[in-house]
Protein backbone atom coordinates (compact mmCIF):
# COMPACT_ATOMS: atom_id res chain seq x y z
CA MET A 1 14.49 -62.19 -70.22
CA THR A 2 11.58 -60.93 -68.24
CA SER A 3 13.00 -59.76 -65.03
CA TYR A 4 16.34 -59.31 -63.26
CA GLU A 5 15.52 -62.05 -60.80
CA ASP A 6 15.34 -64.45 -63.81
CA ILE A 7 18.82 -63.53 -64.84
CA LEU A 8 20.75 -64.17 -61.58
CA LEU A 9 19.60 -67.53 -60.34
CA GLU A 10 21.67 -67.85 -57.18
CA PRO A 11 25.07 -66.90 -55.61
CA VAL A 12 27.83 -69.51 -55.75
CA LEU A 13 29.16 -70.30 -52.30
CA SER A 14 32.38 -72.24 -52.65
CA GLU A 15 35.86 -71.77 -51.16
CA LYS A 16 37.09 -70.31 -54.49
CA ALA A 17 34.13 -67.89 -54.56
CA ASN A 18 34.88 -66.81 -51.08
CA LEU A 19 38.49 -66.00 -51.88
CA LEU A 20 37.34 -64.07 -55.06
CA ARG A 21 34.92 -62.01 -52.82
CA GLU A 22 37.93 -60.69 -50.87
CA GLU A 23 39.05 -59.33 -54.18
CA GLY A 24 35.78 -57.58 -54.86
CA LYS A 25 34.56 -60.29 -57.27
CA TYR A 26 31.14 -61.91 -56.72
CA VAL A 27 30.16 -65.16 -58.41
CA PHE A 28 26.66 -65.96 -59.54
CA LYS A 29 24.80 -68.84 -61.28
CA VAL A 30 22.96 -67.13 -64.17
CA ALA A 31 20.43 -68.01 -66.86
CA PRO A 32 21.84 -69.86 -69.80
CA ALA A 33 20.73 -67.21 -72.21
CA ALA A 34 21.92 -64.21 -70.19
CA THR A 35 24.45 -61.82 -71.70
CA LYS A 36 27.35 -60.00 -70.02
CA ILE A 37 25.41 -56.66 -70.46
CA GLN A 38 22.18 -58.21 -68.92
CA ILE A 39 24.16 -59.70 -65.94
CA LYS A 40 25.84 -56.32 -65.16
CA GLU A 41 22.52 -54.57 -65.37
CA ALA A 42 20.85 -57.05 -63.14
CA VAL A 43 23.58 -56.78 -60.45
CA ARG A 44 23.44 -52.95 -60.72
CA ARG A 45 19.53 -52.83 -60.27
CA LEU A 46 19.20 -55.64 -57.72
CA PHE A 47 22.01 -54.75 -55.42
CA ASN A 48 22.44 -50.97 -56.07
CA VAL A 49 26.10 -51.28 -56.95
CA HIS A 50 28.15 -50.27 -59.99
CA PRO A 51 29.75 -53.33 -61.66
CA ILE A 52 33.17 -52.76 -63.46
CA SER A 53 33.33 -56.00 -65.40
CA CYS A 54 31.63 -59.28 -66.00
CA THR A 55 33.19 -62.56 -66.90
CA VAL A 56 30.95 -65.37 -68.16
CA MET A 57 31.71 -69.08 -68.53
CA VAL A 58 29.79 -72.29 -68.94
CA VAL A 59 30.70 -75.00 -66.39
CA ALA A 60 30.94 -78.32 -68.13
CA PRO A 61 29.13 -81.40 -66.92
CA LYS A 62 30.97 -83.72 -64.67
CA PRO A 63 30.70 -87.57 -64.65
CA LYS A 64 28.88 -89.00 -61.62
CA SER A 65 27.95 -92.52 -60.58
CA GLN A 66 25.41 -93.61 -58.04
CA ARG A 67 24.31 -97.14 -57.15
CA GLY A 68 26.03 -98.62 -60.15
CA ARG A 69 24.47 -96.19 -62.60
CA SER A 70 26.55 -93.54 -64.24
CA GLY A 71 25.67 -90.19 -65.82
CA PHE A 72 26.64 -86.55 -65.88
CA THR A 73 25.65 -83.46 -63.82
CA ALA A 74 23.99 -80.71 -65.74
CA SER A 75 26.05 -77.90 -67.26
CA TRP A 76 25.39 -74.35 -65.99
CA LYS A 77 26.51 -70.81 -66.66
CA LYS A 78 28.60 -68.92 -64.20
CA ALA A 79 29.32 -65.13 -63.97
CA ILE A 80 31.96 -63.42 -62.05
CA VAL A 81 31.15 -59.74 -61.43
CA ARG A 82 33.79 -57.25 -60.37
CA LEU A 83 32.91 -54.25 -58.29
CA PRO A 84 34.85 -51.17 -57.26
CA LYS A 85 36.88 -51.42 -54.01
CA ASP A 86 34.58 -49.30 -52.09
CA GLU A 87 31.35 -51.35 -52.90
CA LYS A 88 30.08 -54.59 -51.47
CA ILE A 89 26.99 -56.76 -51.93
CA SER A 90 25.22 -57.18 -48.57
CA ILE A 91 23.78 -60.59 -49.15
CA PHE A 92 27.30 -62.12 -48.92
CA GLU A 93 28.05 -60.42 -45.60
CA GLY A 94 28.10 -63.06 -42.76
CA VAL A 95 28.28 -66.03 -45.07
């Protein structure tokens, strides 16, 4: 990995991710080759917080059909980063 911006691709903004955020857990779409240690370090450096833990999973492709053609969505890697109760990531405020 070259930079921390290359590890964290984008935040996940879904209903389930919003509920997790209330518990101090933040969900990100991450690079497929990123490890837990790299993800925690990227969150620490980019947002100036101290992650406690990181859970990583690969989201499986889902079947989709459009105009009579069928296929699958792309698989992607998701990370859930847990922060201490007194810390927040400011980009999620007001979302």
